[in-house]
Amino acid sequence: MKPAPKRDPAPIPIRDTQEDRNHRHATQLLNACISYARLILRRYGQLAPFAFSMDREGQVAREILDIPRLPRDPARLWKLLSDHIADRVRRGRLQGVALCAYVTLAEPSAEGYSDALILTIEQESGHALQLTVPCKVYGGQLRNLLPRRIALGKMVVEETVTKVFLRSQ
């Protein structure tokens, strides 16, 4: 008796809805921000505001300000970064952005962490999220004899309205 020929199962059609794309793009931006924040916090123990963007092809890259001297004031740096991103959005080069800042919480998180990463992720489609990730930096004392470790708490996610994409229109 001859064995039956192998047949590949029929492919299941995948519906790529706008909601799926929003979720996928937001996750890519979030992962880039968290990875970069952990790297910088581990190395320096502190973090200035920064941003990542997603271009039309879906490539995620860190946004860089081309100015000779960065301001020491984080609020001023946040404003310059927001203006830079709004200008790139106005030119139609970006489909998503994520702005991140390292802040001190008004009251400690459930884990007892007093610091947090605040991320704002916005997309051209109008999808916008504000995420709060409590964190704590351990170690780094004795001239870095004890290596720094970064502990992240439970992420709090809230839907919000777009500001960068609305402001640029």
N, C-alpha and C. Protein backbone atom coordinates (compact mmCIF):
# COMPACT_ATOMS: atom_id res chain seq x y z
N MET A 1 0.84 -1.18 0.00
CA MET A 1 0.00 0.00 0.00
C MET A 1 0.89 1.24 0.00
N LYS A 2 0.55 2.13 -0.83
CA LYS A 2 1.31 3.35 -1.02
C LYS A 2 0.85 4.41 0.00
N PRO A 3 1.81 5.13 0.67
CA PRO A 3 1.37 6.17 1.61
C PRO A 3 0.74 7.35 0.87
N ALA A 4 -0.19 7.95 1.53
CA ALA A 4 -0.87 9.12 0.95
C ALA A 4 0.11 10.27 0.84
N PRO A 5 0.05 11.05 -0.24
CA PRO A 5 0.97 12.18 -0.38
C PRO A 5 0.68 13.23 0.71
N LYS A 6 1.79 13.84 1.18
CA LYS A 6 1.63 14.90 2.20
C LYS A 6 1.07 16.15 1.54
N ARG A 7 0.12 16.72 2.23
CA ARG A 7 -0.46 17.96 1.72
C ARG A 7 -0.30 19.02 2.79
N ASP A 8 0.08 20.17 2.36
CA ASP A 8 0.18 21.29 3.29
C ASP A 8 -1.22 21.75 3.64
N PRO A 9 -1.41 22.08 4.90
CA PRO A 9 -2.74 22.59 5.26
C PRO A 9 -2.99 23.92 4.57
N ALA A 10 -4.23 24.21 4.35
CA ALA A 10 -4.59 25.47 3.71
C ALA A 10 -4.16 26.63 4.61
N PRO A 11 -3.56 27.65 4.04
CA PRO A 11 -3.14 28.78 4.88
C PRO A 11 -4.35 29.49 5.47
N ILE A 12 -4.18 29.89 6.70
CA ILE A 12 -5.24 30.63 7.38
C ILE A 12 -5.05 32.10 7.03
N PRO A 13 -6.05 32.72 6.47
CA PRO A 13 -5.89 34.14 6.12
C PRO A 13 -5.72 34.98 7.39
N ILE A 14 -4.74 35.84 7.36
CA ILE A 14 -4.48 36.72 8.50
C ILE A 14 -5.03 38.10 8.16
N ARG A 15 -5.90 38.56 9.02
CA ARG A 15 -6.45 39.90 8.85
C ARG A 15 -5.63 40.85 9.68
N ASP A 16 -4.94 41.74 9.03
CA ASP A 16 -4.11 42.72 9.71
C ASP A 16 -4.93 44.00 9.85
N THR A 17 -5.63 44.11 10.96
CA THR A 17 -6.48 45.28 11.17
C THR A 17 -5.66 46.46 11.67
N GLN A 18 -6.26 47.61 11.64
CA GLN A 18 -5.59 48.82 12.13
C GLN A 18 -5.25 48.67 13.61
N GLU A 19 -6.12 48.04 14.36
CA GLU A 19 -5.87 47.83 15.78
C GLU A 19 -4.65 46.94 16.00
N ASP A 20 -4.51 45.89 15.17
CA ASP A 20 -3.34 45.01 15.26
C ASP A 20 -2.06 45.78 14.93
N ARG A 21 -2.11 46.60 13.88
CA ARG A 21 -0.94 47.40 13.51
C ARG A 21 -0.59 48.38 14.61
N ASN A 22 -1.60 49.05 15.19
CA ASN A 22 -1.36 49.98 16.29
C ASN A 22 -0.66 49.29 17.45
N HIS A 23 -1.17 48.12 17.80
CA HIS A 23 -0.60 47.36 18.92
C HIS A 23 0.84 46.94 18.61
N ARG A 24 1.08 46.46 17.41
CA ARG A 24 2.42 46.00 17.01
C ARG A 24 3.41 47.17 17.00
N HIS A 25 3.02 48.30 16.45
CA HIS A 25 3.91 49.46 16.39
C HIS A 25 4.18 50.02 17.78
N ALA A 26 3.14 50.09 18.60
CA ALA A 26 3.33 50.58 19.97
C ALA A 26 4.27 49.67 20.74
N THR A 27 4.17 48.36 20.54
CA THR A 27 5.05 47.42 21.22
C THR A 27 6.49 47.58 20.77
N GLN A 28 6.70 47.81 19.48
CA GLN A 28 8.06 48.04 18.98
C GLN A 28 8.67 49.29 19.60
N LEU A 29 7.90 50.37 19.66
CA LEU A 29 8.39 51.61 20.25
C LEU A 29 8.65 51.44 21.75
N LEU A 30 7.75 50.75 22.43
CA LEU A 30 7.91 50.51 23.87
C LEU A 30 9.17 49.69 24.14
N ASN A 31 9.38 48.62 23.39
CA ASN A 31 10.56 47.79 23.59
C ASN A 31 11.85 48.57 23.36
N ALA A 32 11.88 49.41 22.34
CA ALA A 32 13.07 50.22 22.07
C ALA A 32 13.34 51.18 23.23
N CYS A 33 12.29 51.81 23.74
CA CYS A 33 12.45 52.77 24.84
C CYS A 33 12.92 52.09 26.12
N ILE A 34 12.30 50.97 26.47
CA ILE A 34 12.66 50.27 27.71
C ILE A 34 14.09 49.75 27.63
N SER A 35 14.47 49.19 26.49
CA SER A 35 15.85 48.68 26.32
C SER A 35 16.87 49.80 26.46
N TYR A 36 16.61 50.93 25.81
CA TYR A 36 17.52 52.06 25.88
C TYR A 36 17.58 52.62 27.31
N ALA A 37 16.43 52.76 27.96
CA ALA A 37 16.39 53.30 29.32
C ALA A 37 17.16 52.40 30.28
N ARG A 38 16.98 51.10 30.18
CA ARG A 38 17.71 50.16 31.05
C ARG A 38 19.22 50.27 30.82
N LEU A 39 19.63 50.38 29.57
CA LEU A 39 21.05 50.50 29.24
C LEU A 39 21.66 51.75 29.87
N ILE A 40 21.00 52.89 29.69
CA ILE A 40 21.54 54.16 30.19
C ILE A 40 21.48 54.21 31.71
N LEU A 41 20.38 53.74 32.31
CA LEU A 41 20.29 53.73 33.77
C LEU A 41 21.36 52.81 34.36
N ARG A 42 21.60 51.67 33.75
CA ARG A 42 22.62 50.75 34.26
C ARG A 42 24.00 51.39 34.17
N ARG A 43 24.24 52.12 33.09
CA ARG A 43 25.56 52.71 32.90
C ARG A 43 25.78 53.95 33.75
N TYR A 44 24.78 54.86 33.80
CA TYR A 44 24.98 56.16 34.44
C TYR A 44 24.16 56.39 35.71
N GLY A 45 23.11 55.63 35.92
CA GLY A 45 22.28 55.81 37.11
C GLY A 45 21.27 56.92 36.99
N GLN A 46 21.24 57.61 35.88
CA GLN A 46 20.27 58.67 35.63
C GLN A 46 19.97 58.73 34.15
N LEU A 47 18.93 59.48 33.79
CA LEU A 47 18.46 59.44 32.42
C LEU A 47 17.83 60.78 32.05
N ALA A 48 18.23 61.33 30.92
CA ALA A 48 17.62 62.54 30.39
C ALA A 48 16.45 62.14 29.49
N PRO A 49 15.53 63.06 29.23
CA PRO A 49 14.43 62.74 28.30
C PRO A 49 14.98 62.34 26.93
N PHE A 50 14.30 61.38 26.30
CA PHE A 50 14.71 60.92 24.98
C PHE A 50 13.47 60.49 24.21
N ALA A 51 13.66 60.21 22.92
CA ALA A 51 12.52 59.82 22.07
C ALA A 51 12.98 58.81 21.03
N PHE A 52 12.05 57.96 20.64
CA PHE A 52 12.23 57.05 19.52
C PHE A 52 11.11 57.32 18.53
N SER A 53 11.40 57.09 17.26
CA SER A 53 10.38 57.32 16.23
C SER A 53 10.33 56.13 15.29
N MET A 54 9.19 56.00 14.60
CA MET A 54 9.02 54.96 13.59
C MET A 54 8.74 55.67 12.27
N ASP A 55 9.60 55.41 11.28
CA ASP A 55 9.42 56.05 9.98
C ASP A 55 8.36 55.33 9.15
N ARG A 56 8.17 55.76 7.94
CA ARG A 56 7.15 55.20 7.06
C ARG A 56 7.39 53.73 6.72
N GLU A 57 8.64 53.30 6.74
CA GLU A 57 8.97 51.91 6.43
C GLU A 57 8.88 51.00 7.64
N GLY A 58 8.59 51.56 8.82
CA GLY A 58 8.47 50.75 10.03
C GLY A 58 9.76 50.60 10.81
N GLN A 59 10.79 51.35 10.44
CA GLN A 59 12.07 51.28 11.14
C GLN A 59 12.03 52.19 12.37
N VAL A 60 12.47 51.65 13.51
CA VAL A 60 12.50 52.40 14.76
C VAL A 60 13.91 52.92 14.99
N ALA A 61 14.02 54.22 15.33
CA ALA A 61 15.32 54.84 15.57
C ALA A 61 15.19 55.87 16.67
N ARG A 62 16.29 56.08 17.40
CA ARG A 62 16.31 57.11 18.44
C ARG A 62 16.43 58.48 17.79
N GLU A 63 15.67 59.42 18.29
CA GLU A 63 15.71 60.79 17.78
C GLU A 63 16.89 61.53 18.39
N ILE A 64 17.61 62.25 17.56
CA ILE A 64 18.79 62.98 18.01
C ILE A 64 18.62 64.45 17.67
N LEU A 65 18.86 65.31 18.67
CA LEU A 65 18.81 66.75 18.45
C LEU A 65 20.16 67.21 17.93
N ASP A 66 20.14 67.99 16.87
CA ASP A 66 21.38 68.49 16.27
C ASP A 66 21.61 69.92 16.74
N ILE A 67 21.96 70.05 18.02
CA ILE A 67 22.28 71.36 18.57
C ILE A 67 23.64 71.25 19.25
N PRO A 68 24.41 72.36 19.29
CA PRO A 68 25.77 72.27 19.82
C PRO A 68 25.84 71.94 21.31
N ARG A 69 24.89 72.42 22.10
CA ARG A 69 24.96 72.20 23.54
C ARG A 69 23.56 71.90 24.07
N LEU A 70 23.40 70.73 24.65
CA LEU A 70 22.10 70.35 25.20
C LEU A 70 21.85 71.08 26.52
N PRO A 71 20.62 71.50 26.77
CA PRO A 71 20.33 72.18 28.05
C PRO A 71 20.40 71.21 29.22
N ARG A 72 20.76 71.73 30.39
CA ARG A 72 20.82 70.91 31.59
C ARG A 72 19.44 70.68 32.18
N ASP A 73 18.51 71.56 31.90
CA ASP A 73 17.16 71.46 32.44
C ASP A 73 16.36 70.42 31.66
N PRO A 74 15.88 69.35 32.33
CA PRO A 74 15.12 68.31 31.62
C PRO A 74 13.85 68.84 30.97
N ALA A 75 13.19 69.82 31.59
CA ALA A 75 11.96 70.37 31.01
C ALA A 75 12.27 71.08 29.69
N ARG A 76 13.37 71.79 29.64
CA ARG A 76 13.77 72.47 28.40
C ARG A 76 14.14 71.45 27.32
N LEU A 77 14.85 70.40 27.71
CA LEU A 77 15.22 69.35 26.76
C LEU A 77 13.97 68.65 26.23
N TRP A 78 13.00 68.40 27.10
CA TRP A 78 11.72 67.78 26.69
C TRP A 78 11.03 68.66 25.64
N LYS A 79 11.02 69.97 25.87
CA LYS A 79 10.39 70.91 24.94
C LYS A 79 11.11 70.90 23.59
N LEU A 80 12.43 70.93 23.61
CA LEU A 80 13.20 70.90 22.35
C LEU A 80 12.95 69.60 21.59
N LEU A 81 12.91 68.50 22.33
CA LEU A 81 12.67 67.19 21.72
C LEU A 81 11.26 67.12 21.11
N SER A 82 10.27 67.62 21.84
CA SER A 82 8.89 67.63 21.34
C SER A 82 8.77 68.49 20.08
N ASP A 83 9.41 69.64 20.07
CA ASP A 83 9.37 70.51 18.89
C ASP A 83 10.05 69.85 17.69
N HIS A 84 11.18 69.19 17.94
CA HIS A 84 11.90 68.49 16.87
C HIS A 84 11.02 67.39 16.26
N ILE A 85 10.37 66.62 17.11
CA ILE A 85 9.52 65.53 16.63
C ILE A 85 8.30 66.09 15.90
N ALA A 86 7.70 67.15 16.44
CA ALA A 86 6.54 67.76 15.78
C ALA A 86 6.92 68.26 14.38
N ASP A 87 8.12 68.77 14.24
CA ASP A 87 8.59 69.23 12.93
C ASP A 87 8.72 68.04 11.96
N ARG A 88 9.27 66.93 12.42
CA ARG A 88 9.40 65.73 11.57
C ARG A 88 8.04 65.15 11.22
N VAL A 89 7.10 65.20 12.16
CA VAL A 89 5.74 64.72 11.88
C VAL A 89 5.08 65.63 10.86
N ARG A 90 5.26 66.92 11.00
CA ARG A 90 4.67 67.90 10.07
C ARG A 90 5.16 67.66 8.65
N ARG A 91 6.39 67.22 8.50
CA ARG A 91 6.95 66.92 7.18
C ARG A 91 6.47 65.58 6.63
N GLY A 92 5.74 64.81 7.46
CA GLY A 92 5.19 63.55 7.01
C GLY A 92 6.17 62.40 7.01
N ARG A 93 7.22 62.48 7.81
CA ARG A 93 8.25 61.44 7.80
C ARG A 93 8.01 60.33 8.82
N LEU A 94 7.15 60.58 9.81
CA LEU A 94 6.97 59.61 10.89
C LEU A 94 5.55 59.09 10.96
N GLN A 95 5.42 57.84 11.38
CA GLN A 95 4.09 57.28 11.60
C GLN A 95 3.85 56.98 13.08
N GLY A 96 4.89 57.07 13.91
CA GLY A 96 4.74 56.83 15.34
C GLY A 96 5.92 57.39 16.10
N VAL A 97 5.68 57.83 17.34
CA VAL A 97 6.73 58.37 18.20
C VAL A 97 6.51 57.89 19.63
N ALA A 98 7.61 57.85 20.36
CA ALA A 98 7.57 57.53 21.78
C ALA A 98 8.52 58.48 22.49
N LEU A 99 7.99 59.26 23.43
CA LEU A 99 8.79 60.16 24.25
C LEU A 99 8.88 59.57 25.64
N CYS A 100 10.06 59.63 26.25
CA CYS A 100 10.26 59.01 27.55
C CYS A 100 11.01 59.98 28.47
N ALA A 101 10.63 59.97 29.74
CA ALA A 101 11.32 60.76 30.76
C ALA A 101 11.42 59.94 32.03
N TYR A 102 12.45 60.21 32.81
CA TYR A 102 12.68 59.55 34.09
C TYR A 102 12.25 60.54 35.16
N VAL A 103 11.26 60.18 35.96
CA VAL A 103 10.66 61.11 36.91
C VAL A 103 10.61 60.49 38.31
N THR A 104 10.37 61.35 39.29
CA THR A 104 10.13 60.91 40.66
C THR A 104 8.62 60.94 40.87
N LEU A 105 8.07 59.85 41.36
CA LEU A 105 6.63 59.76 41.59
C LEU A 105 6.22 60.56 42.81
N ALA A 106 5.00 61.09 42.80
CA ALA A 106 4.47 61.82 43.94
C ALA A 106 4.33 60.91 45.16
N GLU A 107 3.91 59.68 44.92
CA GLU A 107 3.84 58.68 45.99
C GLU A 107 4.39 57.37 45.45
N PRO A 108 5.03 56.57 46.29
CA PRO A 108 5.65 55.32 45.81
C PRO A 108 4.64 54.38 45.16
N SER A 109 5.15 53.57 44.26
CA SER A 109 4.32 52.58 43.57
C SER A 109 3.99 51.43 44.52
N ALA A 110 3.21 50.48 44.05
CA ALA A 110 2.84 49.32 44.86
C ALA A 110 4.08 48.52 45.29
N GLU A 111 5.13 48.55 44.46
CA GLU A 111 6.37 47.83 44.79
C GLU A 111 7.25 48.61 45.75
N GLY A 112 6.90 49.88 46.01
CA GLY A 112 7.70 50.73 46.88
C GLY A 112 8.74 51.55 46.13
N TYR A 113 8.65 51.60 44.79
CA TYR A 113 9.60 52.35 43.98
C TYR A 113 9.15 53.81 43.89
N SER A 114 10.09 54.73 44.08
CA SER A 114 9.73 56.15 44.04
C SER A 114 10.03 56.80 42.69
N ASP A 115 10.76 56.12 41.81
CA ASP A 115 11.07 56.64 40.48
C ASP A 115 10.29 55.87 39.43
N ALA A 116 10.16 56.48 38.24
CA ALA A 116 9.43 55.81 37.17
C ALA A 116 9.87 56.34 35.81
N LEU A 117 9.64 55.52 34.81
CA LEU A 117 9.76 55.95 33.42
C LEU A 117 8.36 56.30 32.95
N ILE A 118 8.19 57.49 32.40
CA ILE A 118 6.90 57.91 31.83
C ILE A 118 7.08 57.91 30.33
N LEU A 119 6.30 57.11 29.63
CA LEU A 119 6.37 57.03 28.18
C LEU A 119 5.06 57.49 27.58
N THR A 120 5.17 58.26 26.53
CA THR A 120 4.00 58.65 25.75
C THR A 120 4.23 58.13 24.34
N ILE A 121 3.37 57.22 23.91
CA ILE A 121 3.47 56.64 22.57
C ILE A 121 2.29 57.13 21.76
N GLU A 122 2.59 57.76 20.63
CA GLU A 122 1.56 58.29 19.74
C GLU A 122 1.77 57.76 18.33
N GLN A 123 0.65 57.57 17.64
CA GLN A 123 0.71 57.09 16.26
C GLN A 123 -0.15 57.97 15.37
N GLU A 124 0.21 57.97 14.14
CA GLU A 124 -0.48 58.78 13.14
C GLU A 124 -1.97 58.44 13.06
N SER A 125 -2.31 57.19 13.33
CA SER A 125 -3.70 56.75 13.26
C SER A 125 -4.58 57.36 14.35
N GLY A 126 -3.96 58.03 15.33
CA GLY A 126 -4.72 58.62 16.43
C GLY A 126 -4.64 57.80 17.71
N HIS A 127 -4.00 56.66 17.64
CA HIS A 127 -3.82 55.80 18.81
C HIS A 127 -2.72 56.40 19.69
N ALA A 128 -3.01 56.61 20.98
CA ALA A 128 -2.03 57.20 21.89
C ALA A 128 -2.14 56.54 23.26
N LEU A 129 -0.99 56.28 23.86
CA LEU A 129 -0.92 55.65 25.18
C LEU A 129 0.03 56.44 26.07
N GLN A 130 -0.27 56.45 27.36
CA GLN A 130 0.66 56.97 28.35
C GLN A 130 0.96 55.82 29.30
N LEU A 131 2.23 55.48 29.43
CA LEU A 131 2.65 54.36 30.26
C LEU A 131 3.52 54.86 31.40
N THR A 132 3.29 54.29 32.58
CA THR A 132 4.11 54.58 33.74
C THR A 132 4.74 53.27 34.18
N VAL A 133 6.07 53.23 34.19
CA VAL A 133 6.80 52.02 34.58
C VAL A 133 7.64 52.36 35.81
N PRO A 134 7.16 51.98 37.00
CA PRO A 134 7.97 52.24 38.20
C PRO A 134 9.30 51.48 38.11
N CYS A 135 10.37 52.09 38.60
CA CYS A 135 11.67 51.42 38.54
C CYS A 135 12.54 51.85 39.71
N LYS A 136 13.54 51.05 39.96
CA LYS A 136 14.50 51.35 41.02
C LYS A 136 15.88 50.93 40.54
N VAL A 137 16.87 51.79 40.83
CA VAL A 137 18.26 51.52 40.47
C VAL A 137 18.97 51.05 41.73
N TYR A 138 19.53 49.85 41.69
CA TYR A 138 20.28 49.29 42.80
C TYR A 138 21.76 49.28 42.45
N GLY A 139 22.62 49.42 43.44
CA GLY A 139 24.06 49.26 43.24
C GLY A 139 24.70 50.50 42.67
N GLY A 140 25.91 50.34 42.13
CA GLY A 140 26.65 51.45 41.57
C GLY A 140 27.50 52.17 42.59
N GLN A 141 27.53 51.67 43.83
CA GLN A 141 28.33 52.32 44.87
C GLN A 141 29.77 51.81 44.83
N LEU A 142 30.60 52.41 45.64
CA LEU A 142 32.00 52.02 45.78
C LEU A 142 32.72 51.99 44.43
N ARG A 143 32.59 53.10 43.72
CA ARG A 143 33.20 53.25 42.39
C ARG A 143 32.81 52.11 41.46
N ASN A 144 31.51 51.81 41.50
CA ASN A 144 30.91 50.77 40.66
C ASN A 144 31.43 49.36 40.94
N LEU A 145 31.96 49.15 42.16
CA LEU A 145 32.36 47.81 42.54
C LEU A 145 31.12 46.91 42.59
N LEU A 146 30.01 47.48 43.08
CA LEU A 146 28.72 46.79 43.03
C LEU A 146 28.02 47.23 41.75
N PRO A 147 27.82 46.34 40.81
CA PRO A 147 27.21 46.77 39.53
C PRO A 147 25.77 47.24 39.72
N ARG A 148 25.38 48.15 38.86
CA ARG A 148 23.99 48.65 38.91
C ARG A 148 23.04 47.62 38.35
N ARG A 149 21.90 47.51 38.99
CA ARG A 149 20.80 46.68 38.51
C ARG A 149 19.57 47.55 38.42
N ILE A 150 18.73 47.28 37.46
CA ILE A 150 17.50 48.02 37.27
C ILE A 150 16.33 47.08 37.51
N ALA A 151 15.47 47.45 38.44
CA ALA A 151 14.26 46.67 38.71
C ALA A 151 13.07 47.45 38.19
N LEU A 152 12.22 46.80 37.42
CA LEU A 152 11.02 47.44 36.87
C LEU A 152 9.80 46.90 37.59
N GLY A 153 8.86 47.80 37.89
CA GLY A 153 7.61 47.40 38.53
C GLY A 153 6.51 47.16 37.51
N LYS A 154 5.31 47.08 38.01
CA LYS A 154 4.16 46.81 37.14
C LYS A 154 3.81 48.06 36.34
N MET A 155 3.69 47.87 35.04
CA MET A 155 3.39 48.96 34.12
C MET A 155 1.92 49.35 34.21
N VAL A 156 1.67 50.66 34.24
CA VAL A 156 0.31 51.19 34.22
C VAL A 156 0.10 51.86 32.87
N VAL A 157 -0.92 51.41 32.14
CA VAL A 157 -1.18 51.91 30.79
C VAL A 157 -2.51 52.64 30.76
N GLU A 158 -2.51 53.84 30.18
CA GLU A 158 -3.73 54.63 30.02
C GLU A 158 -3.81 55.10 28.58
N GLU A 159 -5.01 55.04 28.02
CA GLU A 159 -5.19 55.63 26.69
C GLU A 159 -5.32 57.13 26.85
N THR A 160 -4.77 57.85 25.92
CA THR A 160 -4.80 59.31 25.96
C THR A 160 -5.04 59.84 24.55
N VAL A 161 -5.04 61.14 24.40
CA VAL A 161 -5.23 61.74 23.08
C VAL A 161 -3.87 62.12 22.50
N THR A 162 -3.78 62.11 21.17
CA THR A 162 -2.52 62.49 20.53
C THR A 162 -2.31 63.99 20.68
N LYS A 163 -1.08 64.34 20.90
CA LYS A 163 -0.71 65.77 21.01
C LYS A 163 0.26 66.14 19.90
N VAL A 164 1.25 65.31 19.68
CA VAL A 164 2.28 65.61 18.68
C VAL A 164 1.68 65.61 17.27
N PHE A 165 0.89 64.62 16.95
CA PHE A 165 0.33 64.53 15.61
C PHE A 165 -0.75 65.59 15.38
N LEU A 166 -1.48 65.97 16.42
CA LEU A 166 -2.48 67.03 16.28
C LEU A 166 -1.82 68.39 16.17
N ARG A 167 -0.74 68.57 16.97
CA ARG A 167 -0.06 69.86 17.00
C ARG A 167 0.64 70.16 15.68
N SER A 168 1.05 69.11 14.98
CA SER A 168 1.79 69.30 13.74
C SER A 168 0.93 69.58 12.53
N GLN A 169 -0.39 69.43 12.65
CA GLN A 169 -1.27 69.63 11.49
C GLN A 169 -1.58 71.08 11.27
